[in-house]
Protein backbone atom coordinates (compact mmCIF):
# COMPACT_ATOMS: atom_id res chain seq x y z
CA UNK A 1 43.54 -21.30 -54.42
CA UNK A 2 42.79 -22.87 -51.01
CA UNK A 3 40.47 -25.87 -51.08
CA UNK A 4 37.78 -26.16 -48.47
CA UNK A 5 38.58 -29.03 -46.10
CA UNK A 6 36.34 -31.46 -44.27
CA UNK A 7 36.38 -30.88 -40.52
CA UNK A 8 36.38 -34.58 -39.66
CA UNK A 9 39.43 -35.78 -41.58
CA UNK A 10 41.16 -32.75 -43.08
CA UNK A 11 40.47 -34.05 -46.59
CA UNK A 12 39.52 -31.76 -49.47
CA UNK A 13 35.77 -31.50 -49.98
CA UNK A 14 34.47 -32.32 -53.45
CA UNK A 15 31.19 -31.68 -55.20
CA UNK A 16 30.81 -35.29 -56.38
CA UNK A 17 30.14 -38.01 -53.76
CA UNK A 18 32.99 -40.49 -53.42
CA UNK A 19 35.46 -38.29 -55.28
CA UNK A 20 38.39 -36.99 -53.27
CA UNK A 21 41.36 -35.43 -55.00
CA UNK A 22 44.20 -35.15 -52.57
CA UNK A 23 47.85 -34.08 -52.85
CA UNK A 24 48.95 -37.51 -51.55
CA UNK A 25 47.66 -39.37 -54.63
CA UNK A 26 50.47 -41.04 -56.54
CA UNK A 27 52.74 -41.46 -53.51
CA UNK A 28 53.57 -44.89 -52.09
CA UNK A 29 52.88 -45.57 -48.42
CA UNK A 30 53.83 -48.38 -46.05
CA UNK A 31 51.07 -49.12 -43.58
CA UNK A 32 51.49 -51.53 -40.67
CA UNK A 33 48.36 -53.40 -39.61
CA UNK A 34 47.66 -56.42 -37.46
CA UNK A 35 46.65 -59.44 -39.53
CA UNK A 36 43.02 -59.28 -38.34
CA UNK A 37 42.79 -55.60 -39.31
CA UNK A 38 44.28 -56.39 -42.71
CA UNK A 39 41.67 -59.13 -43.15
CA UNK A 40 38.94 -56.61 -42.37
CA UNK A 41 40.41 -54.17 -44.89
CA UNK A 42 40.54 -56.84 -47.61
CA UNK A 43 36.99 -57.90 -46.81
CA UNK A 44 35.77 -54.32 -47.26
CA UNK A 45 37.66 -53.94 -50.53
CA UNK A 46 36.17 -57.21 -51.83
CA UNK A 47 32.67 -55.96 -51.00
CA UNK A 48 33.34 -52.77 -52.95
CA UNK A 49 34.75 -54.80 -55.87
CA UNK A 50 31.63 -56.97 -55.93
CA UNK A 51 29.34 -53.92 -55.73
CA UNK A 52 30.98 -52.41 -58.81
CA UNK A 53 30.91 -55.72 -60.71
CA UNK A 54 27.23 -56.12 -59.85
CA UNK A 55 26.62 -52.53 -60.99
CA UNK A 56 28.25 -53.30 -64.35
CA UNK A 57 26.02 -56.36 -64.73
CA UNK A 58 22.95 -54.33 -63.87
CA UNK A 59 23.90 -51.53 -66.28
CA UNK A 60 24.25 -54.03 -69.13
CA UNK A 61 21.28 -56.30 -68.45
CA UNK A 62 18.93 -54.47 -66.11
CA UNK A 63 19.18 -57.54 -63.88
CA UNK A 64 20.82 -57.99 -60.49
CA UNK A 65 21.63 -61.23 -58.66
CA UNK A 66 20.55 -59.86 -55.27
CA UNK A 67 17.27 -58.38 -54.11
CA UNK A 68 18.97 -56.02 -51.66
CA UNK A 69 21.49 -54.69 -54.19
CA UNK A 70 21.97 -50.93 -54.50
CA UNK A 71 23.41 -49.77 -57.81
CA UNK A 72 26.56 -47.64 -57.55
CA UNK A 73 26.54 -44.22 -59.18
CA UNK A 74 28.37 -44.16 -62.51
CA UNK A 75 27.87 -43.35 -66.20
CA UNK A 76 27.76 -46.87 -67.61
CA UNK A 77 28.93 -50.48 -67.32
CA UNK A 78 32.39 -49.61 -68.67
CA UNK A 79 32.99 -47.09 -65.91
CA UNK A 80 31.73 -49.58 -63.30
CA UNK A 81 34.12 -52.24 -64.64
CA UNK A 82 37.02 -49.77 -64.60
CA UNK A 83 36.34 -48.93 -60.96
CA UNK A 84 36.05 -52.65 -60.16
CA UNK A 85 39.41 -53.23 -61.86
CA UNK A 86 40.93 -50.60 -59.60
CA UNK A 87 39.66 -52.43 -56.50
CA UNK A 88 40.95 -55.71 -57.91
CA UNK A 89 44.39 -54.17 -58.47
CA UNK A 90 44.50 -52.91 -54.88
CA UNK A 91 43.43 -56.31 -53.50
CA UNK A 92 45.99 -58.14 -55.64
CA UNK A 93 48.76 -55.75 -54.55
CA UNK A 94 47.95 -56.28 -50.88
CA UNK A 95 47.74 -60.07 -51.28
CA UNK A 96 51.10 -60.13 -53.08
CA UNK A 97 52.70 -58.15 -50.27
CA UNK A 98 51.20 -60.49 -47.66
CA UNK A 99 52.71 -63.52 -49.46
CA UNK A 100 56.10 -61.83 -49.70
CA UNK A 101 56.12 -61.00 -46.01
CA UNK A 102 54.93 -64.50 -45.00
CA UNK A 103 57.89 -66.00 -46.93
CA UNK A 104 60.30 -63.84 -44.90
CA UNK A 105 58.79 -64.89 -41.56
């Protein structure tokens, strides 16, 4: 069965926002970026991590620390924390690789 693909990026289209199931999931990639670009990437990932952590807090307490906060779409606080943990794992992996490469330089 052929999946419908997005015109912009060639990615599979999905019915749920933010959910993309792609045949490349599970593979390991090496990506070369300039240090400033890598900093921008990490900054974006940290913002997503914080958004999911704030969503978990809101789901549990009904309270948010920021007036301008927009709650992420998820079932409950546990799902929000699981997604946040995924972002934290990605950030930690990237930071570990940066340290390893800085030692070699």
